[in-house]
């Protein structure tokens, strides 16, 4: 068993508290709205991680601390109160990517082949579209919601 120090436990607790602050921004509607509005600008890597967390978060038997991490990270993605505002050219989603990647690394054991397939399918639908209306159709229609 790996033992953690008091400092590591405190850092983890503080990280969870910061993510919990962003949890209030979370809602399915806000998630899909953000995804639709910024799909092309955020890029495939950001959306892949956000979708992966979204689908893992839909799993029924997740421990509470995993849900806090996931929905805190997705709340950060949705929030306009970022370290780097999303409208900043070339850099707007760098902080989102960092948060999403860090949380995804922590919950990667929960990513099933089925979830990976859902993410791949959604990304293909979103990124093969040409107009904003097509992106809205591809992103908002989520059969699992």
Protein backbone atom coordinates (compact mmCIF):
# COMPACT_ATOMS: atom_id res chain seq x y z
CA UNK A 1 0.00 0.00 0.00
CA UNK A 2 1.32 3.45 -0.90
CA UNK A 3 1.34 5.83 2.03
CA UNK A 4 0.70 9.52 1.54
CA UNK A 5 2.17 12.29 3.62
CA UNK A 6 0.14 14.90 5.44
CA UNK A 7 1.31 17.46 2.85
CA UNK A 8 0.07 15.27 -0.03
CA UNK A 9 -3.29 14.73 1.67
CA UNK A 10 -3.63 18.47 2.29
CA UNK A 11 -2.74 19.28 -1.34
CA UNK A 12 -5.31 16.75 -2.56
CA UNK A 13 -7.95 18.16 -0.22
CA UNK A 14 -7.20 21.72 -1.39
CA UNK A 15 -7.39 20.64 -5.04
CA UNK A 16 -10.76 18.99 -4.43
CA UNK A 17 -12.01 22.17 -2.72
CA UNK A 18 -10.94 24.29 -5.71
CA UNK A 19 -12.66 21.88 -8.11
CA UNK A 20 -15.74 21.89 -5.89
CA UNK A 21 -15.92 25.68 -6.29
CA UNK A 22 -16.31 25.19 -10.05
CA UNK A 23 -18.89 22.44 -9.57
CA UNK A 24 -21.64 25.10 -9.34
CA UNK A 25 -21.14 25.90 -13.05
CA UNK A 26 -21.89 22.32 -14.01
CA UNK A 27 -25.08 21.33 -15.83
CA UNK A 28 -25.65 19.13 -18.87
CA UNK A 29 -27.22 22.05 -20.70
CA UNK A 30 -24.25 24.34 -19.98
CA UNK A 31 -21.80 21.60 -20.97
CA UNK A 32 -23.39 21.00 -24.38
CA UNK A 33 -23.84 24.74 -24.94
CA UNK A 34 -20.12 25.34 -24.32
CA UNK A 35 -19.16 22.38 -26.46
CA UNK A 36 -21.29 23.66 -29.34
CA UNK A 37 -20.13 27.24 -29.09
CA UNK A 38 -16.41 26.52 -28.83
CA UNK A 39 -15.96 23.11 -30.49
CA UNK A 40 -13.78 24.26 -33.35
CA UNK A 41 -11.91 26.89 -31.30
CA UNK A 42 -11.18 24.57 -28.35
CA UNK A 43 -10.01 21.80 -30.62
CA UNK A 44 -10.29 18.05 -30.64
CA UNK A 45 -7.89 17.41 -27.75
CA UNK A 46 -9.84 19.59 -25.31
CA UNK A 47 -13.19 18.21 -26.44
CA UNK A 48 -11.95 14.63 -26.25
CA UNK A 49 -11.00 15.05 -22.61
CA UNK A 50 -14.20 16.94 -21.76
CA UNK A 51 -16.35 14.27 -23.42
CA UNK A 52 -14.41 11.48 -21.75
CA UNK A 53 -15.04 13.05 -18.35
CA UNK A 54 -18.67 13.71 -19.23
CA UNK A 55 -19.32 10.07 -20.13
CA UNK A 56 -17.35 8.71 -17.14
CA UNK A 57 -19.39 11.05 -14.96
CA UNK A 58 -22.57 9.38 -16.21
CA UNK A 59 -21.45 6.04 -14.72
CA UNK A 60 -23.71 4.91 -11.90
CA UNK A 61 -21.25 3.54 -9.36
CA UNK A 62 -18.68 6.33 -9.13
CA UNK A 63 -17.35 7.24 -5.70
CA UNK A 64 -18.28 10.74 -4.55
CA UNK A 65 -14.72 12.06 -4.69
CA UNK A 66 -14.45 10.98 -8.35
CA UNK A 67 -17.71 12.78 -9.17
CA UNK A 68 -16.46 15.92 -7.41
CA UNK A 69 -13.29 15.84 -9.48
CA UNK A 70 -15.11 15.22 -12.77
CA UNK A 71 -17.88 17.76 -12.38
CA UNK A 72 -15.51 20.31 -10.88
CA UNK A 73 -13.28 19.99 -13.96
CA UNK A 74 -16.27 20.17 -16.31
CA UNK A 75 -17.54 23.17 -14.35
CA UNK A 76 -14.15 24.82 -14.89
CA UNK A 77 -14.44 24.06 -18.63
CA UNK A 78 -17.91 25.63 -18.70
CA UNK A 79 -17.03 28.61 -16.52
CA UNK A 80 -16.06 31.95 -17.97
CA UNK A 81 -13.97 32.60 -14.84
CA UNK A 82 -10.78 30.86 -16.00
CA UNK A 83 -7.13 31.50 -15.33
CA UNK A 84 -6.89 32.24 -19.07
CA UNK A 85 -10.19 33.49 -20.59
CA UNK A 86 -11.42 31.23 -23.40
CA UNK A 87 -11.61 34.12 -25.85
CA UNK A 88 -7.85 34.77 -25.57
CA UNK A 89 -6.34 34.03 -29.01
CA UNK A 90 -4.21 30.87 -29.20
CA UNK A 91 -4.16 30.38 -25.42
CA UNK A 92 -7.79 30.45 -24.31
CA UNK A 93 -8.19 26.73 -23.68
CA UNK A 94 -4.70 25.87 -22.39
CA UNK A 95 -5.79 26.05 -18.75
CA UNK A 96 -8.95 24.04 -19.49
CA UNK A 97 -6.84 21.37 -21.20
CA UNK A 98 -4.53 21.17 -18.19
CA UNK A 99 -7.39 20.74 -15.71
CA UNK A 100 -9.25 18.24 -17.90
CA UNK A 101 -6.08 16.20 -18.54
CA UNK A 102 -5.12 16.13 -14.85
CA UNK A 103 -8.55 14.94 -13.75
CA UNK A 104 -8.78 12.45 -16.59
CA UNK A 105 -5.44 10.98 -15.52
CA UNK A 106 -6.91 10.50 -12.06
CA UNK A 107 -10.04 8.72 -13.30
CA UNK A 108 -8.60 6.82 -16.26
CA UNK A 109 -9.41 3.48 -14.64
CA UNK A 110 -13.09 4.32 -15.14
CA UNK A 111 -12.76 4.79 -18.92
CA UNK A 112 -14.25 1.71 -20.53
CA UNK A 113 -13.99 0.73 -24.21
CA UNK A 114 -17.69 1.69 -24.50
CA UNK A 115 -16.96 5.20 -23.22
CA UNK A 116 -14.00 5.53 -25.59
CA UNK A 117 -16.26 4.51 -28.48
CA UNK A 118 -18.90 7.11 -27.49
CA UNK A 119 -16.23 9.82 -27.36
CA UNK A 120 -14.72 8.82 -30.71
CA UNK A 121 -18.17 8.76 -32.32
CA UNK A 122 -19.13 12.18 -30.94
CA UNK A 123 -15.82 13.75 -32.00
CA UNK A 124 -16.20 12.37 -35.50
CA UNK A 125 -19.71 13.86 -35.74
CA UNK A 126 -18.62 17.24 -34.39
CA UNK A 127 -15.43 17.66 -36.41
CA UNK A 128 -16.71 16.43 -39.75
CA UNK A 129 -19.41 19.13 -39.79
CA UNK A 130 -19.02 22.35 -41.72
CA UNK A 131 -21.42 24.92 -40.26
CA UNK A 132 -22.31 25.99 -36.72
CA UNK A 133 -25.81 24.56 -37.19
CA UNK A 134 -24.31 21.19 -38.10
CA UNK A 135 -22.10 21.32 -34.99
CA UNK A 136 -25.14 22.11 -32.85
CA UNK A 137 -27.02 19.15 -34.31
CA UNK A 138 -24.07 16.81 -33.75
CA UNK A 139 -23.19 18.00 -30.26
CA UNK A 140 -26.54 18.54 -28.60
CA UNK A 141 -28.17 15.32 -29.67
CA UNK A 142 -26.84 12.96 -27.06
CA UNK A 143 -28.79 9.74 -26.87
CA UNK A 144 -27.40 8.87 -23.45
CA UNK A 145 -28.58 12.05 -21.67
